[in-house]
Full PDB file with SEQRES, HELIX, SHEET, SSBOND, CRYST1, ORIGX, SCALE, CONECT and MASTER records, all heavy atoms in Angstrom:
SEQRES   1 A   34  VAL VAL GLY THR GLY ALA THR GLY ILE LYS VAL PHE ALA          
SEQRES   2 A   34  GLY PRO ARG ASP ASP PRO PHE PHE PHE ASP LEU ASN GLN          
SEQRES   3 A   34  PHE LYS LYS ILE LEU ALA GLY THR                              
HELIX    1 AA1 LEU A   24  LEU A   31  1                                   8    
SHEET    1 AA1 2 GLY A   3  THR A   4  0                                        
SHEET    2 AA1 2 LYS A  10  VAL A  11 -1                                        
CRYST1    1.000    1.000    1.000  90.00  90.00  90.00 P 1           1          
ORIGX1      1.000000  0.000000  0.000000        0.00000                         
ORIGX2      0.000000  1.000000  0.000000        0.00000                         
ORIGX3      0.000000  0.000000  1.000000        0.00000                         
SCALE1      1.000000  0.000000  0.000000        0.00000                         
SCALE2      0.000000  1.000000  0.000000        0.00000                         
SCALE3      0.000000  0.000000  1.000000        0.00000                         
ATOM      1  N   VAL A   1     100.974 138.232  93.477  1.00  0.00           N  
ATOM      2  CA  VAL A   1     102.217 137.604  93.124  1.00  0.00           C  
ATOM      3  C   VAL A   1     103.081 137.510  94.461  1.00  0.00           C  
ATOM      4  O   VAL A   1     103.146 138.449  95.204  1.00  0.00           O  
ATOM      5  CB  VAL A   1     103.027 138.607  92.230  1.00  0.00           C  
ATOM      6  CG1 VAL A   1     104.385 138.116  91.810  1.00  0.00           C  
ATOM      7  CG2 VAL A   1     102.208 138.884  90.964  1.00  0.00           C  
ATOM      8  N   VAL A   2     103.659 136.309  94.710  1.00  0.00           N  
ATOM      9  CA  VAL A   2     104.394 136.093  95.851  1.00  0.00           C  
ATOM     10  C   VAL A   2     105.806 135.668  95.441  1.00  0.00           C  
ATOM     11  O   VAL A   2     105.945 134.645  94.645  1.00  0.00           O  
ATOM     12  CB  VAL A   2     103.694 134.980  96.785  1.00  0.00           C  
ATOM     13  CG1 VAL A   2     104.636 134.677  97.967  1.00  0.00           C  
ATOM     14  CG2 VAL A   2     102.356 135.449  97.217  1.00  0.00           C  
ATOM     15  N   GLY A   3     106.848 136.212  96.065  1.00  0.00           N  
ATOM     16  CA  GLY A   3     108.135 135.852  95.801  1.00  0.00           C  
ATOM     17  C   GLY A   3     108.792 135.065  96.927  1.00  0.00           C  
ATOM     18  O   GLY A   3     108.354 135.279  98.048  1.00  0.00           O  
ATOM     19  N   THR A   4     109.594 134.182  96.600  1.00  0.00           N  
ATOM     20  CA  THR A   4     110.295 133.345  97.645  1.00  0.00           C  
ATOM     21  C   THR A   4     111.800 133.355  97.483  1.00  0.00           C  
ATOM     22  O   THR A   4     112.334 133.185  96.409  1.00  0.00           O  
ATOM     23  CB  THR A   4     109.851 131.817  97.558  1.00  0.00           C  
ATOM     24  OG1 THR A   4     108.455 131.766  97.626  1.00  0.00           O  
ATOM     25  CG2 THR A   4     110.435 130.988  98.640  1.00  0.00           C  
ATOM     26  N   GLY A   5     112.472 133.637  98.604  1.00  0.00           N  
ATOM     27  CA  GLY A   5     113.899 133.724  98.609  1.00  0.00           C  
ATOM     28  C   GLY A   5     114.542 132.374  98.902  1.00  0.00           C  
ATOM     29  O   GLY A   5     113.869 131.462  99.353  1.00  0.00           O  
ATOM     30  N   ALA A   6     115.899 132.315  98.796  1.00  0.00           N  
ATOM     31  CA  ALA A   6     116.614 131.101  99.059  1.00  0.00           C  
ATOM     32  C   ALA A   6     116.466 130.502 100.461  1.00  0.00           C  
ATOM     33  O   ALA A   6     116.564 129.418 100.749  1.00  0.00           O  
ATOM     34  CB  ALA A   6     118.075 131.187  98.609  1.00  0.00           C  
ATOM     35  N   THR A   7     116.345 131.534 101.432  1.00  0.00           N  
ATOM     36  CA  THR A   7     116.297 131.069 102.819  1.00  0.00           C  
ATOM     37  C   THR A   7     114.894 130.846 103.354  1.00  0.00           C  
ATOM     38  O   THR A   7     114.635 130.656 104.504  1.00  0.00           O  
ATOM     39  CB  THR A   7     116.867 132.292 103.621  1.00  0.00           C  
ATOM     40  OG1 THR A   7     116.202 133.448 103.461  1.00  0.00           O  
ATOM     41  CG2 THR A   7     118.438 132.437 103.396  1.00  0.00           C  
ATOM     42  N   GLY A   8     113.906 130.747 102.364  1.00  0.00           N  
ATOM     43  CA  GLY A   8     112.496 130.423 102.801  1.00  0.00           C  
ATOM     44  C   GLY A   8     111.671 131.692 102.973  1.00  0.00           C  
ATOM     45  O   GLY A   8     110.415 131.587 103.475  1.00  0.00           O  
ATOM     46  N   ILE A   9     112.210 132.880 102.892  1.00  0.00           N  
ATOM     47  CA  ILE A   9     111.420 134.095 103.138  1.00  0.00           C  
ATOM     48  C   ILE A   9     110.498 134.203 101.918  1.00  0.00           C  
ATOM     49  O   ILE A   9     110.873 134.039 100.661  1.00  0.00           O  
ATOM     50  CB  ILE A   9     112.376 135.329 103.201  1.00  0.00           C  
ATOM     51  CG1 ILE A   9     113.204 135.202 104.506  1.00  0.00           C  
ATOM     52  CG2 ILE A   9     111.627 136.637 103.132  1.00  0.00           C  
ATOM     53  CD1 ILE A   9     114.307 136.284 104.578  1.00  0.00           C  
ATOM     54  N   LYS A  10     109.281 134.580 102.169  1.00  0.00           N  
ATOM     55  CA  LYS A  10     108.324 134.958 101.150  1.00  0.00           C  
ATOM     56  C   LYS A  10     107.862 136.406 101.285  1.00  0.00           C  
ATOM     57  O   LYS A  10     107.874 136.947 102.362  1.00  0.00           O  
ATOM     58  CB  LYS A  10     107.037 134.106 101.320  1.00  0.00           C  
ATOM     59  CG  LYS A  10     107.270 132.609 101.173  1.00  0.00           C  
ATOM     60  CD  LYS A  10     105.979 131.760 101.442  1.00  0.00           C  
ATOM     61  CE  LYS A  10     106.301 130.337 101.393  1.00  0.00           C  
ATOM     62  NZ  LYS A  10     105.097 129.577 101.743  1.00  0.00           N  
ATOM     63  N   VAL A  11     107.552 137.035 100.120  1.00  0.00           N  
ATOM     64  CA  VAL A  11     107.248 138.443 100.197  1.00  0.00           C  
ATOM     65  C   VAL A  11     106.120 138.794  99.166  1.00  0.00           C  
ATOM     66  O   VAL A  11     106.044 138.101  98.100  1.00  0.00           O  
ATOM     67  CB  VAL A  11     108.530 139.331  99.935  1.00  0.00           C  
ATOM     68  CG1 VAL A  11     109.090 139.013  98.499  1.00  0.00           C  
ATOM     69  CG2 VAL A  11     108.142 140.733  99.999  1.00  0.00           C  
ATOM     70  N   PHE A  12     105.288 139.703  99.555  1.00  0.00           N  
ATOM     71  CA  PHE A  12     104.201 140.256  98.743  1.00  0.00           C  
ATOM     72  C   PHE A  12     104.235 141.718  98.855  1.00  0.00           C  
ATOM     73  O   PHE A  12     104.569 142.318  99.898  1.00  0.00           O  
ATOM     74  CB  PHE A  12     102.799 139.714  99.144  1.00  0.00           C  
ATOM     75  CG  PHE A  12     101.761 140.574  98.541  1.00  0.00           C  
ATOM     76  CD1 PHE A  12     101.222 140.247  97.339  1.00  0.00           C  
ATOM     77  CD2 PHE A  12     101.239 141.724  99.268  1.00  0.00           C  
ATOM     78  CE1 PHE A  12     100.163 141.063  96.722  1.00  0.00           C  
ATOM     79  CE2 PHE A  12     100.222 142.455  98.686  1.00  0.00           C  
ATOM     80  CZ  PHE A  12      99.670 142.234  97.441  1.00  0.00           C  
ATOM     81  N   ALA A  13     104.028 142.493  97.745  1.00  0.00           N  
ATOM     82  CA  ALA A  13     103.902 143.883  97.839  1.00  0.00           C  
ATOM     83  C   ALA A  13     102.821 144.364  96.820  1.00  0.00           C  
ATOM     84  O   ALA A  13     102.771 143.930  95.662  1.00  0.00           O  
ATOM     85  CB  ALA A  13     105.203 144.552  97.433  1.00  0.00           C  
ATOM     86  N   GLY A  14     101.845 145.125  97.220  1.00  0.00           N  
ATOM     87  CA  GLY A  14     100.873 145.713  96.362  1.00  0.00           C  
ATOM     88  C   GLY A  14      99.662 146.178  97.160  1.00  0.00           C  
ATOM     89  O   GLY A  14      99.684 146.285  98.319  1.00  0.00           O  
ATOM     90  N   PRO A  15      98.675 146.747  96.431  1.00  0.00           N  
ATOM     91  CA  PRO A  15      97.520 147.254  97.065  1.00  0.00           C  
ATOM     92  C   PRO A  15      96.584 146.288  97.650  1.00  0.00           C  
ATOM     93  O   PRO A  15      96.529 145.117  97.162  1.00  0.00           O  
ATOM     94  CB  PRO A  15      96.811 148.041  95.890  1.00  0.00           C  
ATOM     95  CG  PRO A  15      97.264 147.423  94.693  1.00  0.00           C  
ATOM     96  CD  PRO A  15      98.641 146.835  94.980  1.00  0.00           C  
ATOM     97  N   ARG A  16      95.996 146.561  98.807  1.00  0.00           N  
ATOM     98  CA  ARG A  16      95.057 145.704  99.495  1.00  0.00           C  
ATOM     99  C   ARG A  16      94.000 146.543 100.244  1.00  0.00           C  
ATOM    100  O   ARG A  16      94.262 147.646 100.500  1.00  0.00           O  
ATOM    101  CB  ARG A  16      95.763 144.804 100.526  1.00  0.00           C  
ATOM    102  CG  ARG A  16      96.539 143.580  99.889  1.00  0.00           C  
ATOM    103  CD  ARG A  16      95.451 142.597  99.451  1.00  0.00           C  
ATOM    104  NE  ARG A  16      95.943 141.483  98.723  1.00  0.00           N  
ATOM    105  CZ  ARG A  16      96.069 141.383  97.358  1.00  0.00           C  
ATOM    106  NH1 ARG A  16      95.740 142.357  96.628  1.00  0.00           N  
ATOM    107  NH2 ARG A  16      96.494 140.262  96.709  1.00  0.00           N  
ATOM    108  N   ASP A  17      92.802 145.958 100.449  1.00  0.00           N  
ATOM    109  CA  ASP A  17      91.707 146.580 101.125  1.00  0.00           C  
ATOM    110  C   ASP A  17      92.313 146.919 102.592  1.00  0.00           C  
ATOM    111  O   ASP A  17      92.864 146.020 103.239  1.00  0.00           O  
ATOM    112  CB  ASP A  17      90.522 145.632 101.204  1.00  0.00           C  
ATOM    113  CG  ASP A  17      89.441 146.280 101.873  1.00  0.00           C  
ATOM    114  OD1 ASP A  17      88.863 147.314 101.487  1.00  0.00           O  
ATOM    115  OD2 ASP A  17      89.132 145.812 103.005  1.00  0.00           O  
ATOM    116  N   ASP A  18      92.086 148.109 103.072  1.00  0.00           N  
ATOM    117  CA  ASP A  18      92.527 148.368 104.422  1.00  0.00           C  
ATOM    118  C   ASP A  18      91.754 147.490 105.388  1.00  0.00           C  
ATOM    119  O   ASP A  18      90.521 147.614 105.485  1.00  0.00           O  
ATOM    120  CB  ASP A  18      92.240 149.917 104.699  1.00  0.00           C  
ATOM    121  CG  ASP A  18      92.866 150.356 105.947  1.00  0.00           C  
ATOM    122  OD1 ASP A  18      93.148 149.561 106.973  1.00  0.00           O  
ATOM    123  OD2 ASP A  18      93.110 151.516 106.029  1.00  0.00           O  
ATOM    124  N   PRO A  19      92.536 146.693 106.197  1.00  0.00           N  
ATOM    125  CA  PRO A  19      91.799 145.773 107.058  1.00  0.00           C  
ATOM    126  C   PRO A  19      91.421 146.296 108.411  1.00  0.00           C  
ATOM    127  O   PRO A  19      90.712 145.669 109.151  1.00  0.00           O  
ATOM    128  CB  PRO A  19      92.866 144.727 107.300  1.00  0.00           C  
ATOM    129  CG  PRO A  19      94.087 145.444 107.177  1.00  0.00           C  
ATOM    130  CD  PRO A  19      93.992 146.507 106.095  1.00  0.00           C  
ATOM    131  N   PHE A  20      91.811 147.640 108.683  1.00  0.00           N  
ATOM    132  CA  PHE A  20      91.595 148.195 109.959  1.00  0.00           C  
ATOM    133  C   PHE A  20      90.199 148.604 110.132  1.00  0.00           C  
ATOM    134  O   PHE A  20      89.603 149.315 109.266  1.00  0.00           O  
ATOM    135  CB  PHE A  20      92.606 149.321 110.216  1.00  0.00           C  
ATOM    136  CG  PHE A  20      92.656 149.855 111.565  1.00  0.00           C  
ATOM    137  CD1 PHE A  20      93.082 149.096 112.635  1.00  0.00           C  
ATOM    138  CD2 PHE A  20      92.079 151.087 111.980  1.00  0.00           C  
ATOM    139  CE1 PHE A  20      93.203 149.505 114.037  1.00  0.00           C  
ATOM    140  CE2 PHE A  20      92.135 151.536 113.265  1.00  0.00           C  
ATOM    141  CZ  PHE A  20      92.652 150.792 114.266  1.00  0.00           C  
ATOM    142  N   PHE A  21      89.484 148.394 111.204  1.00  0.00           N  
ATOM    143  CA  PHE A  21      88.154 148.803 111.452  1.00  0.00           C  
ATOM    144  C   PHE A  21      88.196 149.853 112.599  1.00  0.00           C  
ATOM    145  O   PHE A  21      88.677 149.677 113.580  1.00  0.00           O  
ATOM    146  CB  PHE A  21      87.271 147.676 111.937  1.00  0.00           C  
ATOM    147  CG  PHE A  21      85.812 148.062 112.045  1.00  0.00           C  
ATOM    148  CD1 PHE A  21      84.821 147.768 111.145  1.00  0.00           C  
ATOM    149  CD2 PHE A  21      85.346 148.758 113.176  1.00  0.00           C  
ATOM    150  CE1 PHE A  21      83.543 148.085 111.296  1.00  0.00           C  
ATOM    151  CE2 PHE A  21      84.085 149.116 113.369  1.00  0.00           C  
ATOM    152  CZ  PHE A  21      83.150 148.820 112.486  1.00  0.00           C  
ATOM    153  N   PHE A  22      87.676 151.042 112.221  1.00  0.00           N  
ATOM    154  CA  PHE A  22      87.713 152.085 113.247  1.00  0.00           C  
ATOM    155  C   PHE A  22      86.536 153.117 112.924  1.00  0.00           C  
ATOM    156  O   PHE A  22      86.470 153.505 111.642  1.00  0.00           O  
ATOM    157  CB  PHE A  22      89.029 152.785 113.327  1.00  0.00           C  
ATOM    158  CG  PHE A  22      89.099 153.772 114.576  1.00  0.00           C  
ATOM    159  CD1 PHE A  22      88.944 153.346 115.820  1.00  0.00           C  
ATOM    160  CD2 PHE A  22      89.361 155.126 114.361  1.00  0.00           C  
ATOM    161  CE1 PHE A  22      89.025 154.224 116.949  1.00  0.00           C  
ATOM    162  CE2 PHE A  22      89.482 156.009 115.342  1.00  0.00           C  
ATOM    163  CZ  PHE A  22      89.247 155.546 116.626  1.00  0.00           C  
ATOM    164  N   ASP A  23      85.768 153.562 113.946  1.00  0.00           N  
ATOM    165  CA  ASP A  23      84.780 154.563 113.717  1.00  0.00           C  
ATOM    166  C   ASP A  23      85.409 155.919 113.939  1.00  0.00           C  
ATOM    167  O   ASP A  23      85.336 156.533 115.023  1.00  0.00           O  
ATOM    168  CB  ASP A  23      83.607 154.383 114.654  1.00  0.00           C  
ATOM    169  CG  ASP A  23      82.375 155.099 114.304  1.00  0.00           C  
ATOM    170  OD1 ASP A  23      82.519 156.172 113.561  1.00  0.00           O  
ATOM    171  OD2 ASP A  23      81.241 154.729 114.662  1.00  0.00           O  
ATOM    172  N   LEU A  24      86.135 156.323 112.975  1.00  0.00           N  
ATOM    173  CA  LEU A  24      86.864 157.610 113.090  1.00  0.00           C  
ATOM    174  C   LEU A  24      85.966 158.838 113.361  1.00  0.00           C  
ATOM    175  O   LEU A  24      86.280 159.740 114.129  1.00  0.00           O  
ATOM    176  CB  LEU A  24      87.751 157.818 111.871  1.00  0.00           C  
ATOM    177  CG  LEU A  24      88.598 159.105 111.771  1.00  0.00           C  
ATOM    178  CD1 LEU A  24      89.648 159.075 112.958  1.00  0.00           C  
ATOM    179  CD2 LEU A  24      89.333 159.310 110.503  1.00  0.00           C  
ATOM    180  N   ASN A  25      84.865 158.941 112.627  1.00  0.00           N  
ATOM    181  CA  ASN A  25      83.959 160.084 112.855  1.00  0.00           C  
ATOM    182  C   ASN A  25      83.413 160.208 114.251  1.00  0.00           C  
ATOM    183  O   ASN A  25      83.326 161.214 114.817  1.00  0.00           O  
ATOM    184  CB  ASN A  25      82.908 160.042 111.857  1.00  0.00           C  
ATOM    185  CG  ASN A  25      83.281 160.209 110.403  1.00  0.00           C  
ATOM    186  OD1 ASN A  25      84.296 160.925 110.217  1.00  0.00           O  
ATOM    187  ND2 ASN A  25      82.765 159.456 109.434  1.00  0.00           N  
ATOM    188  N   GLN A  26      83.081 159.042 114.825  1.00  0.00           N  
ATOM    189  CA  GLN A  26      82.604 158.964 116.214  1.00  0.00           C  
ATOM    190  C   GLN A  26      83.764 159.310 117.223  1.00  0.00           C  
ATOM    191  O   GLN A  26      83.572 160.051 118.182  1.00  0.00           O  
ATOM    192  CB  GLN A  26      81.973 157.625 116.606  1.00  0.00           C  
ATOM    193  CG  GLN A  26      81.333 157.589 117.969  1.00  0.00           C  
ATOM    194  CD  GLN A  26      80.070 158.363 117.960  1.00  0.00           C  
ATOM    195  OE1 GLN A  26      79.565 158.945 116.990  1.00  0.00           O  
ATOM    196  NE2 GLN A  26      79.476 158.532 119.214  1.00  0.00           N  
ATOM    197  N   PHE A  27      84.838 158.814 116.915  1.00  0.00           N  
ATOM    198  CA  PHE A  27      86.096 159.226 117.700  1.00  0.00           C  
ATOM    199  C   PHE A  27      86.294 160.758 117.756  1.00  0.00           C  
ATOM    200  O   PHE A  27      86.629 161.269 118.808  1.00  0.00           O  
ATOM    201  CB  PHE A  27      87.304 158.482 117.175  1.00  0.00           C  
ATOM    202  CG  PHE A  27      88.605 158.808 117.942  1.00  0.00           C  
ATOM    203  CD1 PHE A  27      88.748 158.296 119.219  1.00  0.00           C  
ATOM    204  CD2 PHE A  27      89.630 159.485 117.276  1.00  0.00           C  
ATOM    205  CE1 PHE A  27      89.914 158.638 119.841  1.00  0.00           C  
ATOM    206  CE2 PHE A  27      90.810 159.748 117.989  1.00  0.00           C  
ATOM    207  CZ  PHE A  27      91.008 159.194 119.292  1.00  0.00           C  
ATOM    208  N   LYS A  28      86.115 161.404 116.601  1.00  0.00           N  
ATOM    209  CA  LYS A  28      86.388 162.831 116.516  1.00  0.00           C  
ATOM    210  C   LYS A  28      85.294 163.545 117.435  1.00  0.00           C  
ATOM    211  O   LYS A  28      85.619 164.515 117.964  1.00  0.00           O  
ATOM    212  CB  LYS A  28      86.255 163.273 115.067  1.00  0.00           C  
ATOM    213  CG  LYS A  28      87.454 162.977 114.201  1.00  0.00           C  
ATOM    214  CD  LYS A  28      87.289 163.460 112.851  1.00  0.00           C  
ATOM    215  CE  LYS A  28      88.460 162.994 111.867  1.00  0.00           C  
ATOM    216  NZ  LYS A  28      88.248 163.567 110.474  1.00  0.00           N  
ATOM    217  N   LYS A  29      84.089 163.009 117.388  1.00  0.00           N  
ATOM    218  CA  LYS A  29      83.057 163.520 118.208  1.00  0.00           C  
ATOM    219  C   LYS A  29      83.334 163.405 119.670  1.00  0.00           C  
ATOM    220  O   LYS A  29      83.007 164.281 120.537  1.00  0.00           O  
ATOM    221  CB  LYS A  29      81.613 162.898 117.897  1.00  0.00           C  
ATOM    222  CG  LYS A  29      81.090 163.208 116.513  1.00  0.00           C  
ATOM    223  CD  LYS A  29      79.807 162.454 116.234  1.00  0.00           C  
ATOM    224  CE  LYS A  29      79.335 162.793 114.833  1.00  0.00           C  
ATOM    225  NZ  LYS A  29      78.047 162.016 114.536  1.00  0.00           N  
ATOM    226  N   ILE A  30      83.930 162.267 120.073  1.00  0.00           N  
ATOM    227  CA  ILE A  30      84.232 161.998 121.468  1.00  0.00           C  
ATOM    228  C   ILE A  30      85.319 163.005 121.975  1.00  0.00           C  
ATOM    229  O   ILE A  30      85.299 163.661 122.952  1.00  0.00           O  
ATOM    230  CB  ILE A  30      84.698 160.508 121.625  1.00  0.00           C  
ATOM    231  CG1 ILE A  30      83.569 159.617 121.409  1.00  0.00           C  
ATOM    232  CG2 ILE A  30      85.362 160.407 123.045  1.00  0.00           C  
ATOM    233  CD1 ILE A  30      84.017 158.130 121.362  1.00  0.00           C  
ATOM    234  N   LEU A  31      86.271 163.235 121.017  1.00  0.00           N  
ATOM    235  CA  LEU A  31      87.359 164.167 121.257  1.00  0.00           C  
ATOM    236  C   LEU A  31      86.855 165.646 121.506  1.00  0.00           C  
ATOM    237  O   LEU A  31      87.349 166.440 122.225  1.00  0.00           O  
ATOM    238  CB  LEU A  31      88.435 164.140 120.258  1.00  0.00           C  
ATOM    239  CG  LEU A  31      89.341 162.912 120.164  1.00  0.00           C  
ATOM    240  CD1 LEU A  31      90.346 163.005 119.088  1.00  0.00           C  
ATOM    241  CD2 LEU A  31      90.084 162.702 121.470  1.00  0.00           C  
ATOM    242  N   ALA A  32      85.864 165.888 120.654  1.00  0.00           N  
ATOM    243  CA  ALA A  32      85.303 167.278 120.699  1.00  0.00           C  
ATOM    244  C   ALA A  32      84.338 167.473 121.788  1.00  0.00           C  
ATOM    245  O   ALA A  32      83.829 168.592 122.041  1.00  0.00           O  
ATOM    246  CB  ALA A  32      84.602 167.566 119.306  1.00  0.00           C  
ATOM    247  N   GLY A  33      83.984 166.427 122.565  1.00  0.00           N  
ATOM    248  CA  GLY A  33      83.032 166.415 123.594  1.00  0.00           C  
ATOM    249  C   GLY A  33      81.559 166.456 123.203  1.00  0.00           C  
ATOM    250  O   GLY A  33      80.721 166.693 124.119  1.00  0.00           O  
ATOM    251  N   THR A  34      81.273 166.146 121.949  1.00  0.00           N  
ATOM    252  CA  THR A  34      79.797 166.082 121.531  1.00  0.00           C  
ATOM    253  C   THR A  34      79.330 164.642 121.576  1.00  0.00           C  
ATOM    254  O   THR A  34      78.100 164.477 121.262  1.00  0.00           O  
ATOM    255  CB  THR A  34      79.657 166.674 120.085  1.00  0.00           C  
ATOM    256  OG1 THR A  34      80.582 165.863 119.299  1.00  0.00           O  
ATOM    257  CG2 THR A  34      80.201 168.100 120.075  1.00  0.00           C  
TER     258      THR A  34                                                      
MASTER        0    0    0    1    2    0    0    6  257    1    0    3          
END                                                                             
């Protein structure tokens, strides 16, 4: 669902798949020195 305001602003709100890619577990190993 997309809403449009009078000044041309458009807005969406809702759940989405997390687009961020990060190897968090490997990052934790790097921080731990392993």
